[in-house]
Amino acid sequence: MESETKTHVEQLKSPTGYPVAVLRFAGDIASTSKDAVLGSYEALPRDTTKLILLDFKRVDYINSSGIALIIQLLIQAAHAGQTVCAFGLSAHFTKVFTMVGITKYARLFPDQAEALAAL
């Protein structure tokens, strides 16, 4: 049984002082996660949100529908001229994200500190 996707949005500063939106996901990401994934992204103010981190460290499972939602988010971000980095993925999902081409839209990092340092 899938656990509900929860999203918490935080605002941080990059090492260079720019604002960074962090979408922290928890639970499973599946087709039922549209509001949690896309809704939280679409609620970000477009004019001031140029740097985004996706935090997957509390995500237990991502199915193919969940990956499609993440890809949709990344495509929207690319069209909006936003930079996205992801961190906290298990080794398995790092491999899956690479195989399905997510790395064309977002750089992957092991933790928040490395992702922030890359911005």
N, C-alpha and C. Protein backbone atom coordinates (compact mmCIF):
# COMPACT_ATOMS: atom_id res chain seq x y z
N MET A 1 0.84 -1.18 0.00
CA MET A 1 0.00 0.00 0.00
C MET A 1 0.89 1.25 0.00
N GLU A 2 0.53 2.20 -0.84
CA GLU A 2 1.30 3.45 -0.95
C GLU A 2 1.06 4.32 0.27
N SER A 3 2.13 5.00 0.69
CA SER A 3 1.96 6.01 1.73
C SER A 3 1.78 7.36 1.05
N GLU A 4 0.97 8.18 1.66
CA GLU A 4 0.65 9.50 1.10
C GLU A 4 1.92 10.33 0.92
N THR A 5 1.97 11.05 -0.18
CA THR A 5 3.09 11.96 -0.42
C THR A 5 2.84 13.26 0.33
N LYS A 6 3.83 13.65 1.08
CA LYS A 6 3.76 14.94 1.77
C LYS A 6 4.88 15.82 1.21
N THR A 7 4.60 17.11 1.10
CA THR A 7 5.61 18.06 0.62
C THR A 7 5.69 19.23 1.58
N HIS A 8 6.89 19.56 1.93
CA HIS A 8 7.16 20.72 2.77
C HIS A 8 8.07 21.64 1.94
N VAL A 9 7.71 22.92 1.83
CA VAL A 9 8.49 23.87 1.06
C VAL A 9 9.26 24.77 2.02
N GLU A 10 10.56 24.90 1.77
CA GLU A 10 11.41 25.79 2.57
C GLU A 10 12.12 26.77 1.65
N GLN A 11 12.48 27.89 2.21
CA GLN A 11 13.27 28.88 1.48
C GLN A 11 14.65 28.95 2.14
N LEU A 12 15.70 28.75 1.36
CA LEU A 12 17.08 28.85 1.83
C LEU A 12 17.82 29.88 0.98
N LYS A 13 19.07 30.09 1.29
CA LYS A 13 19.94 30.93 0.47
C LYS A 13 21.07 30.06 -0.06
N SER A 14 21.44 30.29 -1.30
CA SER A 14 22.60 29.61 -1.88
C SER A 14 23.86 30.20 -1.25
N PRO A 15 25.01 29.53 -1.41
CA PRO A 15 26.25 30.10 -0.87
C PRO A 15 26.56 31.48 -1.43
N THR A 16 26.01 31.79 -2.60
CA THR A 16 26.23 33.11 -3.20
C THR A 16 25.13 34.11 -2.82
N GLY A 17 24.19 33.68 -1.97
CA GLY A 17 23.17 34.59 -1.45
C GLY A 17 21.85 34.62 -2.21
N TYR A 18 21.71 33.80 -3.25
CA TYR A 18 20.46 33.78 -4.00
C TYR A 18 19.41 32.92 -3.29
N PRO A 19 18.13 33.29 -3.40
CA PRO A 19 17.08 32.48 -2.77
C PRO A 19 16.95 31.12 -3.47
N VAL A 20 16.73 30.10 -2.66
CA VAL A 20 16.57 28.72 -3.16
C VAL A 20 15.30 28.15 -2.54
N ALA A 21 14.41 27.63 -3.38
CA ALA A 21 13.22 26.93 -2.90
C ALA A 21 13.57 25.45 -2.77
N VAL A 22 13.24 24.86 -1.63
CA VAL A 22 13.48 23.44 -1.42
C VAL A 22 12.14 22.76 -1.26
N LEU A 23 11.87 21.80 -2.14
CA LEU A 23 10.66 20.98 -2.04
C LEU A 23 11.08 19.67 -1.38
N ARG A 24 10.63 19.47 -0.14
CA ARG A 24 10.99 18.26 0.61
C ARG A 24 9.83 17.28 0.55
N PHE A 25 10.07 16.18 -0.15
CA PHE A 25 9.04 15.15 -0.32
C PHE A 25 9.22 14.06 0.73
N ALA A 26 8.10 13.47 1.14
CA ALA A 26 8.12 12.34 2.07
C ALA A 26 7.03 11.36 1.66
N GLY A 27 7.26 10.08 1.90
CA GLY A 27 6.29 9.04 1.55
C GLY A 27 6.62 8.45 0.20
N ASP A 28 5.59 7.97 -0.49
CA ASP A 28 5.75 7.40 -1.83
C ASP A 28 5.32 8.43 -2.87
N ILE A 29 5.94 8.38 -4.04
CA ILE A 29 5.54 9.26 -5.13
C ILE A 29 4.97 8.38 -6.24
N ALA A 30 3.68 8.60 -6.52
CA ALA A 30 2.95 7.80 -7.50
C ALA A 30 1.93 8.69 -8.21
N SER A 31 1.03 8.10 -8.96
CA SER A 31 0.05 8.89 -9.71
C SER A 31 -0.83 9.74 -8.79
N THR A 32 -1.02 9.30 -7.56
CA THR A 32 -1.84 10.04 -6.60
C THR A 32 -1.10 11.24 -6.01
N SER A 33 0.14 11.45 -6.41
CA SER A 33 0.99 12.49 -5.83
C SER A 33 0.99 13.78 -6.63
N LYS A 34 0.10 13.92 -7.60
CA LYS A 34 0.13 15.09 -8.48
C LYS A 34 0.08 16.40 -7.70
N ASP A 35 -0.84 16.53 -6.75
CA ASP A 35 -0.94 17.77 -5.97
C ASP A 35 0.31 18.02 -5.15
N ALA A 36 0.85 16.97 -4.55
CA ALA A 36 2.04 17.12 -3.70
C ALA A 36 3.26 17.51 -4.52
N VAL A 37 3.41 16.93 -5.71
CA VAL A 37 4.59 17.20 -6.53
C VAL A 37 4.39 18.44 -7.39
N LEU A 38 3.44 18.38 -8.31
CA LEU A 38 3.23 19.51 -9.22
C LEU A 38 2.58 20.70 -8.53
N GLY A 39 1.65 20.44 -7.64
CA GLY A 39 0.97 21.53 -6.94
C GLY A 39 1.94 22.37 -6.11
N SER A 40 2.86 21.70 -5.41
CA SER A 40 3.82 22.45 -4.60
C SER A 40 4.78 23.24 -5.49
N TYR A 41 5.17 22.65 -6.62
CA TYR A 41 6.04 23.37 -7.55
C TYR A 41 5.30 24.57 -8.15
N GLU A 42 4.09 24.36 -8.63
CA GLU A 42 3.34 25.41 -9.30
C GLU A 42 2.96 26.55 -8.35
N ALA A 43 2.97 26.30 -7.04
CA ALA A 43 2.66 27.35 -6.06
C ALA A 43 3.84 28.28 -5.81
N LEU A 44 5.03 27.90 -6.28
CA LEU A 44 6.20 28.75 -6.09
C LEU A 44 6.07 30.00 -6.96
N PRO A 45 6.45 31.15 -6.45
CA PRO A 45 6.38 32.37 -7.27
C PRO A 45 7.41 32.31 -8.41
N ARG A 46 6.95 32.35 -9.64
CA ARG A 46 7.81 32.20 -10.82
C ARG A 46 8.85 33.32 -10.96
N ASP A 47 8.45 34.53 -10.61
CA ASP A 47 9.34 35.67 -10.84
C ASP A 47 10.55 35.69 -9.90
N THR A 48 10.43 35.08 -8.73
CA THR A 48 11.54 35.11 -7.78
C THR A 48 12.19 33.74 -7.55
N THR A 49 11.58 32.69 -8.07
CA THR A 49 12.12 31.35 -7.85
C THR A 49 12.91 30.91 -9.08
N LYS A 50 14.22 31.01 -8.98
CA LYS A 50 15.08 30.60 -10.10
C LYS A 50 15.91 29.37 -9.77
N LEU A 51 16.08 29.08 -8.46
CA LEU A 51 16.86 27.93 -8.02
C LEU A 51 15.98 27.04 -7.15
N ILE A 52 15.94 25.74 -7.50
CA ILE A 52 15.06 24.80 -6.81
C ILE A 52 15.83 23.54 -6.46
N LEU A 53 15.66 23.09 -5.23
CA LEU A 53 16.19 21.79 -4.82
C LEU A 53 15.02 20.86 -4.55
N LEU A 54 15.15 19.62 -5.01
CA LEU A 54 14.16 18.58 -4.72
C LEU A 54 14.81 17.62 -3.74
N ASP A 55 14.21 17.47 -2.57
CA ASP A 55 14.74 16.63 -1.50
C ASP A 55 13.97 15.31 -1.47
N PHE A 56 14.66 14.21 -1.79
CA PHE A 56 14.04 12.89 -1.83
C PHE A 56 14.47 12.00 -0.66
N LYS A 57 15.16 12.54 0.34
CA LYS A 57 15.72 11.65 1.36
C LYS A 57 14.66 10.95 2.21
N ARG A 58 13.43 11.47 2.26
CA ARG A 58 12.37 10.81 3.03
C ARG A 58 11.34 10.13 2.12
N VAL A 59 11.72 9.90 0.86
CA VAL A 59 10.85 9.21 -0.09
C VAL A 59 11.20 7.73 -0.06
N ASP A 60 10.18 6.90 0.16
CA ASP A 60 10.41 5.47 0.25
C ASP A 60 10.34 4.77 -1.10
N TYR A 61 9.48 5.26 -1.98
CA TYR A 61 9.24 4.56 -3.24
C TYR A 61 8.76 5.56 -4.29
N ILE A 62 9.19 5.37 -5.52
CA ILE A 62 8.73 6.17 -6.65
C ILE A 62 8.39 5.19 -7.77
N ASN A 63 7.13 5.17 -8.21
CA ASN A 63 6.79 4.29 -9.33
C ASN A 63 6.87 5.07 -10.65
N SER A 64 6.55 4.41 -11.74
CA SER A 64 6.70 5.04 -13.06
C SER A 64 5.81 6.28 -13.20
N SER A 65 4.63 6.25 -12.61
CA SER A 65 3.76 7.44 -12.66
C SER A 65 4.37 8.58 -11.86
N GLY A 66 5.01 8.27 -10.76
CA GLY A 66 5.69 9.29 -9.96
C GLY A 66 6.86 9.89 -10.71
N ILE A 67 7.61 9.04 -11.42
CA ILE A 67 8.73 9.53 -12.23
C ILE A 67 8.19 10.46 -13.32
N ALA A 68 7.06 10.11 -13.91
CA ALA A 68 6.46 10.98 -14.94
C ALA A 68 6.09 12.35 -14.35
N LEU A 69 5.59 12.39 -13.13
CA LEU A 69 5.27 13.67 -12.49
C LEU A 69 6.53 14.50 -12.26
N ILE A 70 7.60 13.84 -11.84
CA ILE A 70 8.86 14.55 -11.61
C ILE A 70 9.40 15.10 -12.94
N ILE A 71 9.31 14.31 -13.99
CA ILE A 71 9.75 14.77 -15.31
C ILE A 71 8.91 15.97 -15.75
N GLN A 72 7.62 15.91 -15.51
CA GLN A 72 6.74 17.02 -15.88
C GLN A 72 7.16 18.29 -15.13
N LEU A 73 7.45 18.17 -13.84
CA LEU A 73 7.93 19.30 -13.04
C LEU A 73 9.21 19.86 -13.65
N LEU A 74 10.15 18.97 -13.99
CA LEU A 74 11.44 19.41 -14.51
C LEU A 74 11.32 20.09 -15.87
N ILE A 75 10.42 19.61 -16.71
CA ILE A 75 10.21 20.24 -18.01
C ILE A 75 9.61 21.64 -17.82
N GLN A 76 8.65 21.77 -16.90
CA GLN A 76 8.07 23.09 -16.62
C GLN A 76 9.14 24.04 -16.10
N ALA A 77 10.01 23.54 -15.23
CA ALA A 77 11.09 24.37 -14.67
C ALA A 77 12.06 24.80 -15.77
N ALA A 78 12.38 23.89 -16.68
CA ALA A 78 13.29 24.21 -17.78
C ALA A 78 12.68 25.31 -18.66
N HIS A 79 11.40 25.20 -18.95
CA HIS A 79 10.73 26.21 -19.77
C HIS A 79 10.66 27.56 -19.06
N ALA A 80 10.66 27.53 -17.72
CA ALA A 80 10.61 28.78 -16.94
C ALA A 80 12.01 29.34 -16.67
N GLY A 81 13.04 28.66 -17.18
CA GLY A 81 14.41 29.13 -16.98
C GLY A 81 14.93 28.90 -15.57
N GLN A 82 14.36 27.92 -14.87
CA GLN A 82 14.77 27.64 -13.50
C GLN A 82 15.83 26.53 -13.48
N THR A 83 16.71 26.58 -12.49
CA THR A 83 17.73 25.56 -12.29
C THR A 83 17.25 24.64 -11.18
N VAL A 84 17.28 23.33 -11.45
CA VAL A 84 16.81 22.35 -10.47
C VAL A 84 17.92 21.35 -10.18
N CYS A 85 18.11 21.07 -8.90
CA CYS A 85 19.01 20.01 -8.45
C CYS A 85 18.21 19.11 -7.52
N ALA A 86 18.56 17.84 -7.50
CA ALA A 86 17.88 16.87 -6.62
C ALA A 86 18.92 16.21 -5.74
N PHE A 87 18.49 15.83 -4.55
CA PHE A 87 19.40 15.13 -3.64
C PHE A 87 18.61 14.16 -2.77
N GLY A 88 19.36 13.27 -2.11
CA GLY A 88 18.75 12.34 -1.17
C GLY A 88 18.16 11.10 -1.80
N LEU A 89 18.47 10.84 -3.06
CA LEU A 89 17.96 9.63 -3.72
C LEU A 89 18.78 8.42 -3.29
N SER A 90 18.11 7.28 -3.20
CA SER A 90 18.83 6.04 -2.96
C SER A 90 19.68 5.72 -4.19
N ALA A 91 20.62 4.81 -4.05
CA ALA A 91 21.45 4.42 -5.19
C ALA A 91 20.58 3.88 -6.32
N HIS A 92 19.54 3.13 -5.98
CA HIS A 92 18.63 2.58 -6.99
C HIS A 92 17.96 3.69 -7.78
N PHE A 93 17.39 4.67 -7.08
CA PHE A 93 16.68 5.73 -7.80
C PHE A 93 17.62 6.70 -8.50
N THR A 94 18.84 6.84 -8.01
CA THR A 94 19.83 7.63 -8.75
C THR A 94 20.06 6.97 -10.11
N LYS A 95 20.18 5.66 -10.11
CA LYS A 95 20.38 4.91 -11.36
C LYS A 95 19.14 5.03 -12.27
N VAL A 96 17.95 4.88 -11.70
CA VAL A 96 16.71 4.98 -12.48
C VAL A 96 16.58 6.38 -13.08
N PHE A 97 16.81 7.42 -12.28
CA PHE A 97 16.70 8.80 -12.77
C PHE A 97 17.69 9.03 -13.92
N THR A 98 18.87 8.48 -13.81
CA THR A 98 19.87 8.61 -14.88
C THR A 98 19.41 7.87 -16.13
N MET A 99 18.89 6.67 -15.96
CA MET A 99 18.45 5.86 -17.11
C MET A 99 17.30 6.50 -17.87
N VAL A 100 16.37 7.15 -17.17
CA VAL A 100 15.20 7.74 -17.85
C VAL A 100 15.46 9.16 -18.33
N GLY A 101 16.67 9.67 -18.11
CA GLY A 101 17.02 10.96 -18.67
C GLY A 101 16.75 12.17 -17.80
N ILE A 102 16.42 11.95 -16.54
CA ILE A 102 16.15 13.08 -15.65
C ILE A 102 17.38 13.96 -15.51
N THR A 103 18.56 13.38 -15.65
CA THR A 103 19.79 14.16 -15.49
C THR A 103 19.99 15.18 -16.61
N LYS A 104 19.16 15.14 -17.65
CA LYS A 104 19.20 16.20 -18.67
C LYS A 104 18.58 17.48 -18.13
N TYR A 105 17.72 17.35 -17.12
CA TYR A 105 16.97 18.49 -16.58
C TYR A 105 17.39 18.88 -15.16
N ALA A 106 18.00 17.95 -14.43
CA ALA A 106 18.38 18.23 -13.04
C ALA A 106 19.65 17.48 -12.70
N ARG A 107 20.54 18.16 -12.00
CA ARG A 107 21.75 17.49 -11.51
C ARG A 107 21.40 16.78 -10.21
N LEU A 108 22.01 15.61 -10.01
CA LEU A 108 21.74 14.81 -8.82
C LEU A 108 22.92 14.87 -7.86
N PHE A 109 22.60 14.98 -6.58
CA PHE A 109 23.63 15.07 -5.55
C PHE A 109 23.27 14.16 -4.39
N PRO A 110 24.29 13.71 -3.64
CA PRO A 110 23.99 12.83 -2.50
C PRO A 110 23.30 13.54 -1.34
N ASP A 111 23.62 14.84 -1.14
CA ASP A 111 23.03 15.53 0.01
C ASP A 111 22.80 17.01 -0.29
N GLN A 112 22.11 17.66 0.64
CA GLN A 112 21.74 19.06 0.46
C GLN A 112 22.96 19.98 0.36
N ALA A 113 23.97 19.74 1.17
CA ALA A 113 25.14 20.61 1.17
C ALA A 113 25.81 20.63 -0.20
N GLU A 114 25.96 19.47 -0.82
CA GLU A 114 26.60 19.41 -2.16
C GLU A 114 25.69 20.05 -3.21
N ALA A 115 24.39 19.85 -3.10
CA ALA A 115 23.46 20.45 -4.06
C ALA A 115 23.48 21.97 -3.95
N LEU A 116 23.45 22.48 -2.73
CA LEU A 116 23.49 23.93 -2.52
C LEU A 116 24.81 24.53 -3.03
N ALA A 117 25.90 23.83 -2.79
CA ALA A 117 27.20 24.33 -3.22
C ALA A 117 27.31 24.43 -4.74
N ALA A 118 26.51 23.62 -5.45
CA ALA A 118 26.56 23.62 -6.92
C ALA A 118 25.76 24.75 -7.53
N LEU A 119 24.94 25.42 -6.73
CA LEU A 119 24.08 26.49 -7.28
C LEU A 119 24.83 27.80 -7.38
